[in-house]
Amino acid sequence: MSVSPTIERVEVERLSLPLHSPFATALRRATSADSVVVRVTDSDGRVGLGEAPQNWQVLGASVAGSAACLEGPLRDAVLGRPADPFETWPMVDRAVAGNSAAKAALDCALHDLAGPVPLRVPTLVTVSAGEPDEIAEAARARVAEGFGTLKLKVGTDAATDVARVRAARDGAGPDVALRVDANTGWDCFEAVRVIRALEDAGVGVELVEQPVGRRDLPGLAHVRRHVETPVMADESIFDLDNLVELVRHDAADLVNIKIAKAGGLTPALELARAARTHGLGVSVGCMLESAVGVSHAATLAARAGCDVDPDLDGAWWLAEGAAYADRVSYADGHLVRMSQ
């Protein structure tokens, strides 16, 4: 009788990868992608990789904290255990409170032991917050590179956000899908004013993502009731408890599921299934991270299915020569992953 492989080693590597241009949102401005990559080796000698991105504003996760979690309680919880992510996930989840990014890294590394499956999935690309002329130029450049959906970061100044979106539409042209992401930057009244102004202007916004604070579900519901544009929750949705509250408040049309928020590919898949059960559209996003994390987000997008183009551009922002860059590539508005 064959013996199932077990987890033999859990090792971590700290990364700080420069970006080719600054990434600016209502929450932060980044010039590097900082994260922890975890390497899991099983008793058959297979190696799997996962990633815990540093993001103080959304995840509350740091390189130091994720590394300590992975080298301490998470490693202790899984060494010698079956190298099966579905069997091992409950032990990972119970080992430590919070720390969703570290849990996600370990869970994804276990999935990765089986080897990456080749895939090609569409992805949007983000246009950073900035001045209208910069936004228009960036939009033109991204469309010329083959991207069919642009996500514009707004929420830095409600009084001028309409002009920014107009500039993005002027640069992108009429045939490209355009969505806006306020990253919690508006209050509910500002959000309604800006979104209605965009609707009146006929700019053609596909959806608006996280217009208000993550815990302001009454405000999110207020926005949804008072605009025609679909509303997507991102920072408000980490796990099933959050989903229950979103449904209870009838606060969103869609949810943006991210592995680092959900705590792994295993719970993220369950979250996508539950969201669909409750009539919510599903999309998948990533963090600003290396191709290790982005490749797992692509797996989630392919397995869960997306009702709008997923957001898998995290590794697109990295400067040339980044570690693990060969795990994914970008071509004609798609993320491509080959077997390794």
Protein backbone atom coordinates (compact mmCIF):
# COMPACT_ATOMS: atom_id res chain seq x y z
CA MET A 1 0.00 0.00 0.00
CA SER A 2 1.39 3.40 -0.99
CA VAL A 3 2.13 5.95 1.73
CA SER A 4 0.97 9.52 1.17
CA PRO A 5 3.78 12.10 1.17
CA THR A 6 4.25 14.24 4.25
CA ILE A 7 5.63 17.74 4.80
CA GLU A 8 9.38 17.61 5.57
CA ARG A 9 10.62 21.20 5.35
CA VAL A 10 9.15 24.71 5.46
CA GLU A 11 11.63 27.47 4.52
CA VAL A 12 11.12 31.19 3.95
CA GLU A 13 12.72 33.80 1.71
CA ARG A 14 12.24 37.55 2.04
CA LEU A 15 11.76 39.54 -1.17
CA SER A 16 11.86 43.23 -2.01
CA LEU A 17 11.32 43.69 -5.74
CA PRO A 18 11.47 47.17 -7.32
CA LEU A 19 8.60 48.32 -9.54
CA HIS A 20 9.12 49.80 -12.99
CA SER A 21 6.88 52.74 -11.99
CA PRO A 22 5.16 53.85 -8.76
CA PHE A 23 1.88 52.20 -7.83
CA ALA A 24 -0.44 54.81 -6.31
CA THR A 25 -3.88 54.30 -4.76
CA ALA A 26 -6.07 56.08 -2.21
CA LEU A 27 -4.41 53.93 0.46
CA ARG A 28 -0.72 54.02 -0.39
CA ARG A 29 2.08 54.71 -2.84
CA ALA A 30 4.49 51.82 -3.46
CA THR A 31 7.79 51.61 -5.31
CA SER A 32 8.54 47.97 -4.46
CA ALA A 33 6.72 44.71 -3.86
CA ASP A 34 7.80 43.32 -0.50
CA SER A 35 6.82 39.80 0.53
CA VAL A 36 7.79 36.44 1.96
CA VAL A 37 8.03 33.38 -0.27
CA VAL A 38 7.62 30.05 1.50
CA ARG A 39 9.14 26.86 0.10
CA VAL A 40 7.60 23.55 1.20
CA THR A 41 9.34 20.24 0.51
CA ASP A 42 7.53 16.94 0.95
CA SER A 43 8.83 13.42 1.57
CA ASP A 44 8.74 12.66 -2.17
CA GLY A 45 11.15 15.54 -2.81
CA ARG A 46 8.55 17.75 -4.46
CA VAL A 47 8.80 21.52 -3.85
CA GLY A 48 5.94 23.99 -3.70
CA LEU A 49 6.04 27.79 -3.41
CA GLY A 50 3.60 30.28 -1.91
CA GLU A 51 3.76 33.98 -1.14
CA ALA A 52 2.71 36.32 1.67
CA PRO A 53 2.70 39.92 0.38
CA GLN A 54 3.35 42.82 2.71
CA ASN A 55 0.38 45.17 2.78
CA TRP A 56 -0.14 47.20 5.93
CA GLN A 57 -3.27 49.04 4.82
CA VAL A 58 -5.41 46.10 3.67
CA LEU A 59 -3.94 42.92 5.16
CA GLY A 60 -2.11 44.34 8.16
CA ALA A 61 0.69 42.02 7.07
CA SER A 62 4.42 42.69 7.17
CA VAL A 63 7.41 40.74 5.91
CA ALA A 64 8.68 40.33 9.47
CA GLY A 65 5.34 39.20 10.84
CA SER A 66 4.60 36.73 8.05
CA ALA A 67 8.11 35.28 8.23
CA ALA A 68 7.84 34.82 12.00
CA CYS A 69 4.45 33.16 11.62
CA LEU A 70 5.67 30.79 8.91
CA GLU A 71 8.90 29.91 10.72
CA GLY A 72 7.07 29.41 14.03
CA PRO A 73 3.50 28.26 14.65
CA LEU A 74 2.59 27.44 11.04
CA ARG A 75 5.68 25.32 10.45
CA ASP A 76 5.15 23.58 13.78
CA ALA A 77 1.54 22.82 12.82
CA VAL A 78 2.30 21.10 9.53
CA LEU A 79 5.69 19.35 9.76
CA GLY A 80 5.14 15.61 9.39
CA ARG A 81 1.53 16.14 8.34
CA PRO A 82 0.04 15.03 5.00
CA ALA A 83 1.12 17.19 2.08
CA ASP A 84 -2.51 17.60 1.04
CA PRO A 85 -3.79 21.18 1.24
CA PHE A 86 -7.43 20.21 1.82
CA GLU A 87 -6.54 17.82 4.64
CA THR A 88 -4.00 20.20 6.17
CA TRP A 89 -5.95 23.47 5.88
CA PRO A 90 -7.85 23.10 9.21
CA MET A 91 -4.53 22.75 11.08
CA VAL A 92 -3.15 25.82 9.30
CA ASP A 93 -6.24 27.84 10.16
CA ARG A 94 -6.22 26.84 13.84
CA ALA A 95 -2.51 27.35 14.36
CA VAL A 96 -2.69 31.14 14.65
CA ALA A 97 -5.31 33.89 14.72
CA GLY A 98 -5.36 36.33 11.81
CA ASN A 99 -2.22 36.29 9.65
CA SER A 100 -4.22 35.53 6.51
CA ALA A 101 -1.27 36.28 4.21
CA ALA A 102 1.04 33.81 5.96
CA LYS A 103 -1.66 31.14 5.99
CA ALA A 104 -2.28 31.79 2.30
CA ALA A 105 1.38 31.34 1.47
CA LEU A 106 1.56 27.96 3.17
CA ASP A 107 -1.72 26.71 1.73
CA CYS A 108 -0.72 27.76 -1.79
CA ALA A 109 2.68 26.11 -1.45
CA LEU A 110 0.92 22.84 -0.64
CA HIS A 111 -1.25 23.20 -3.74
CA ASP A 112 1.90 24.01 -5.71
CA LEU A 113 3.48 20.66 -4.83
CA ALA A 114 1.42 19.05 -7.59
CA GLY A 115 3.08 21.32 -10.16
CA PRO A 116 1.63 24.26 -12.06
CA VAL A 117 -0.98 23.59 -14.73
CA PRO A 118 -0.54 25.63 -17.93
CA LEU A 119 -3.22 28.28 -18.30
CA ARG A 120 -4.08 31.50 -20.09
CA VAL A 121 -6.57 33.84 -18.43
CA PRO A 122 -7.59 37.43 -19.21
CA THR A 123 -6.49 40.16 -16.86
CA LEU A 124 -7.08 43.84 -16.48
CA VAL A 125 -4.25 46.26 -15.80
CA THR A 126 -4.31 49.06 -13.24
CA VAL A 127 -3.82 52.73 -14.00
CA SER A 128 -2.39 54.45 -10.92
CA ALA A 129 -3.91 57.52 -9.32
CA GLY A 130 -2.44 60.68 -10.81
CA GLU A 131 -3.13 63.81 -12.79
CA PRO A 132 -5.53 63.64 -15.77
CA ASP A 133 -2.85 64.03 -18.44
CA GLU A 134 -0.74 61.26 -16.86
CA ILE A 135 -3.78 59.00 -16.64
CA ALA A 136 -4.74 59.55 -20.27
CA GLU A 137 -1.20 58.76 -21.40
CA ALA A 138 -1.05 55.60 -19.29
CA ALA A 139 -4.45 54.46 -20.58
CA ARG A 140 -3.34 54.87 -24.19
CA ALA A 141 -0.16 52.91 -23.51
CA ARG A 142 -1.96 50.01 -21.81
CA VAL A 143 -4.49 49.70 -24.62
CA ALA A 144 -1.66 49.69 -27.15
CA GLU A 145 -0.15 46.76 -25.22
CA GLY A 146 -3.35 44.77 -25.74
CA PHE A 147 -5.23 45.16 -22.45
CA GLY A 148 -9.00 45.20 -22.89
CA THR A 149 -9.93 46.26 -19.35
CA LEU A 150 -8.41 49.09 -17.30
CA LYS A 151 -8.88 49.71 -13.59
CA LEU A 152 -8.41 53.33 -12.61
CA LYS A 153 -7.40 54.15 -9.06
CA VAL A 154 -9.48 57.01 -7.68
CA GLY A 155 -10.57 58.13 -4.22
CA THR A 156 -7.68 60.51 -3.60
CA ASP A 157 -9.82 63.62 -4.21
CA ALA A 158 -13.55 63.28 -4.85
CA ALA A 159 -13.74 66.81 -6.28
CA THR A 160 -11.46 65.93 -9.20
CA ASP A 161 -12.09 62.19 -9.62
CA VAL A 162 -14.60 62.72 -12.44
CA ALA A 163 -11.96 64.56 -14.46
CA ARG A 164 -9.55 61.66 -13.89
CA VAL A 165 -12.05 59.12 -15.14
CA ARG A 166 -12.87 61.25 -18.18
CA ALA A 167 -9.15 61.40 -18.95
CA ALA A 168 -8.88 57.62 -18.68
CA ARG A 169 -11.78 57.18 -21.09
CA ASP A 170 -10.27 59.70 -23.53
CA GLY A 171 -6.98 57.80 -23.45
CA ALA A 172 -8.50 54.33 -23.63
CA GLY A 173 -11.05 55.02 -26.34
CA PRO A 174 -14.67 53.83 -26.44
CA ASP A 175 -14.19 50.07 -26.77
CA VAL A 176 -12.14 49.30 -23.65
CA ALA A 177 -13.85 48.29 -20.40
CA LEU A 178 -13.13 50.83 -17.67
CA ARG A 179 -13.72 50.31 -13.96
CA VAL A 180 -12.85 52.54 -11.03
CA ASP A 181 -11.47 51.55 -7.65
CA ALA A 182 -11.68 54.02 -4.79
CA ASN A 183 -9.91 51.73 -2.27
CA THR A 184 -12.17 53.01 0.55
CA GLY A 185 -11.30 56.62 -0.34
CA TRP A 186 -14.81 58.13 -0.42
CA ASP A 187 -17.58 58.40 2.12
CA CYS A 188 -20.97 57.14 0.95
CA PHE A 189 -22.26 60.60 -0.01
CA GLU A 190 -19.16 61.49 -2.01
CA ALA A 191 -19.37 58.12 -3.71
CA VAL A 192 -22.94 58.67 -4.84
CA ARG A 193 -22.13 62.16 -6.13
CA VAL A 194 -19.09 61.01 -8.11
CA ILE A 195 -20.69 57.87 -9.52
CA ARG A 196 -23.85 59.71 -10.56
CA ALA A 197 -21.73 62.36 -12.24
CA LEU A 198 -19.92 59.63 -14.17
CA GLU A 199 -23.24 58.08 -15.16
CA ASP A 200 -24.56 61.47 -16.33
CA ALA A 201 -21.37 62.04 -18.31
CA GLY A 202 -21.78 58.74 -20.14
CA VAL A 203 -18.19 57.73 -19.43
CA GLY A 204 -19.14 54.05 -19.48
CA VAL A 205 -17.83 52.71 -16.16
CA GLU A 206 -18.18 48.93 -15.90
CA LEU A 207 -18.27 48.88 -12.10
CA VAL A 208 -17.05 50.76 -9.04
CA GLU A 209 -14.89 48.89 -6.54
CA GLN A 210 -14.90 49.47 -2.78
CA PRO A 211 -16.14 53.07 -2.76
CA VAL A 212 -16.27 53.35 1.06
CA GLY A 213 -14.51 52.10 4.18
CA ARG A 214 -14.18 48.35 4.65
CA ARG A 215 -16.38 48.23 7.75
CA ASP A 216 -18.97 50.71 6.47
CA LEU A 217 -21.43 48.15 5.13
CA PRO A 218 -24.44 50.45 5.67
CA GLY A 219 -22.58 53.06 3.59
CA LEU A 220 -21.76 50.50 0.91
CA ALA A 221 -25.42 49.50 0.77
CA HIS A 222 -26.41 53.18 0.53
CA VAL A 223 -24.16 53.62 -2.49
CA ARG A 224 -25.56 50.51 -4.17
CA ARG A 225 -29.14 51.69 -3.66
CA HIS A 226 -28.50 55.14 -5.11
CA VAL A 227 -26.47 54.43 -8.27
CA GLU A 228 -26.97 52.37 -11.41
CA THR A 229 -23.34 51.26 -11.72
CA PRO A 230 -22.62 47.82 -10.18
CA VAL A 231 -20.72 47.90 -6.88
CA MET A 232 -17.92 45.47 -6.09
CA ALA A 233 -16.68 44.77 -2.55
CA ASP A 234 -12.95 44.20 -2.06
CA GLU A 235 -11.52 45.37 1.26
CA SER A 236 -14.87 44.47 2.89
CA ILE A 237 -14.63 40.78 1.97
CA PHE A 238 -11.98 38.54 3.50
CA ASP A 239 -13.86 35.45 4.62
CA LEU A 240 -17.24 33.76 5.00
CA ASP A 241 -18.17 35.89 8.02
CA ASN A 242 -17.68 39.01 5.91
CA LEU A 243 -19.74 37.46 3.12
CA VAL A 244 -22.62 36.83 5.52
CA GLU A 245 -22.58 40.50 6.53
CA LEU A 246 -22.39 41.70 2.92
CA VAL A 247 -25.42 39.58 2.04
CA ARG A 248 -27.30 40.70 5.16
CA HIS A 249 -26.80 44.36 4.21
CA ASP A 250 -27.44 43.69 0.49
CA ALA A 251 -24.35 45.84 0.02
CA ALA A 252 -22.68 44.64 -3.19
CA ASP A 253 -23.31 43.21 -6.64
CA LEU A 254 -19.93 41.48 -6.88
CA VAL A 255 -17.01 40.49 -4.68
CA ASN A 256 -13.29 40.60 -5.42
CA ILE A 257 -11.73 37.52 -3.83
CA LYS A 258 -8.02 37.56 -3.07
CA ILE A 259 -6.04 34.61 -1.76
CA ALA A 260 -4.01 36.69 0.71
CA LYS A 261 -7.23 38.01 2.26
CA ALA A 262 -9.01 34.66 2.34
CA GLY A 263 -6.06 32.81 3.88
CA GLY A 264 -5.28 30.50 0.98
CA LEU A 265 -6.49 28.95 -2.24
CA THR A 266 -8.51 26.36 -0.30
CA PRO A 267 -10.75 28.86 1.58
CA ALA A 268 -10.85 31.22 -1.41
CA LEU A 269 -12.45 28.53 -3.56
CA GLU A 270 -15.07 27.94 -0.88
CA LEU A 271 -15.68 31.69 -0.59
CA ALA A 272 -16.27 31.93 -4.35
CA ARG A 273 -18.76 29.07 -4.22
CA ALA A 274 -20.63 30.63 -1.32
CA ALA A 275 -20.75 34.05 -2.99
CA ARG A 276 -22.32 32.55 -6.10
CA THR A 277 -24.84 30.65 -3.97
CA HIS A 278 -25.99 34.00 -2.62
CA GLY A 279 -26.31 35.59 -6.06
CA LEU A 280 -23.13 37.66 -6.02
CA GLY A 281 -20.87 38.01 -9.03
CA VAL A 282 -17.30 36.86 -8.52
CA SER A 283 -13.98 38.24 -9.60
CA VAL A 284 -10.44 37.45 -8.47
CA GLY A 285 -7.65 39.84 -7.60
CA CYS A 286 -4.05 39.72 -6.46
CA MET A 287 -1.83 41.93 -4.36
CA LEU A 288 1.31 43.76 -5.42
CA GLU A 289 3.50 40.64 -5.33
CA SER A 290 5.81 38.44 -7.32
CA ALA A 291 4.79 35.90 -9.96
CA VAL A 292 4.61 33.26 -7.21
CA GLY A 293 1.53 34.80 -5.64
CA VAL A 294 0.07 35.98 -8.94
CA SER A 295 0.30 32.48 -10.42
CA HIS A 296 -1.87 31.17 -7.58
CA ALA A 297 -4.37 34.00 -8.13
CA ALA A 298 -4.53 32.90 -11.77
CA THR A 299 -5.29 29.36 -10.61
CA LEU A 300 -8.13 30.69 -8.46
CA ALA A 301 -9.49 32.73 -11.38
CA ALA A 302 -9.43 29.71 -13.67
CA ARG A 303 -11.01 27.34 -11.14
CA ALA A 304 -13.60 29.70 -9.68
CA GLY A 305 -14.52 31.42 -12.92
CA CYS A 306 -14.92 35.18 -13.11
CA ASP A 307 -17.93 37.24 -14.12
CA VAL A 308 -15.68 40.17 -15.09
CA ASP A 309 -12.00 40.22 -16.01
CA PRO A 310 -9.87 39.32 -12.98
CA ASP A 311 -7.15 41.58 -11.61
CA LEU A 312 -3.91 39.63 -12.06
CA ASP A 313 -1.48 42.42 -12.88
CA GLY A 314 0.58 42.37 -9.66
CA ALA A 315 3.67 40.92 -11.32
CA TRP A 316 3.23 43.16 -14.38
CA TRP A 317 4.39 46.09 -12.22
CA LEU A 318 7.76 44.52 -11.38
CA ALA A 319 10.97 45.83 -12.92
CA GLU A 320 12.78 43.58 -15.36
CA GLY A 321 14.77 40.73 -13.83
CA ALA A 322 12.52 40.16 -10.81
CA ALA A 323 12.85 36.89 -8.92
CA TYR A 324 10.48 34.14 -10.10
CA ALA A 325 9.48 36.20 -13.14
CA ASP A 326 9.53 33.09 -15.33
CA ARG A 327 6.45 31.68 -13.61
CA VAL A 328 4.08 33.97 -15.57
CA SER A 329 4.08 36.30 -18.55
CA TYR A 330 1.67 38.89 -19.96
CA ALA A 331 0.54 38.93 -23.59
CA ASP A 332 -2.41 40.61 -25.33
CA GLY A 333 -4.30 41.31 -22.14
CA HIS A 334 -3.80 37.81 -20.73
CA LEU A 335 -1.69 36.21 -18.05
CA VAL A 336 0.07 33.11 -19.33
CA ARG A 337 1.51 30.38 -17.13
CA MET A 338 3.45 27.49 -18.59
CA SER A 339 4.27 24.21 -16.87
CA GLN A 340 7.57 24.52 -14.99
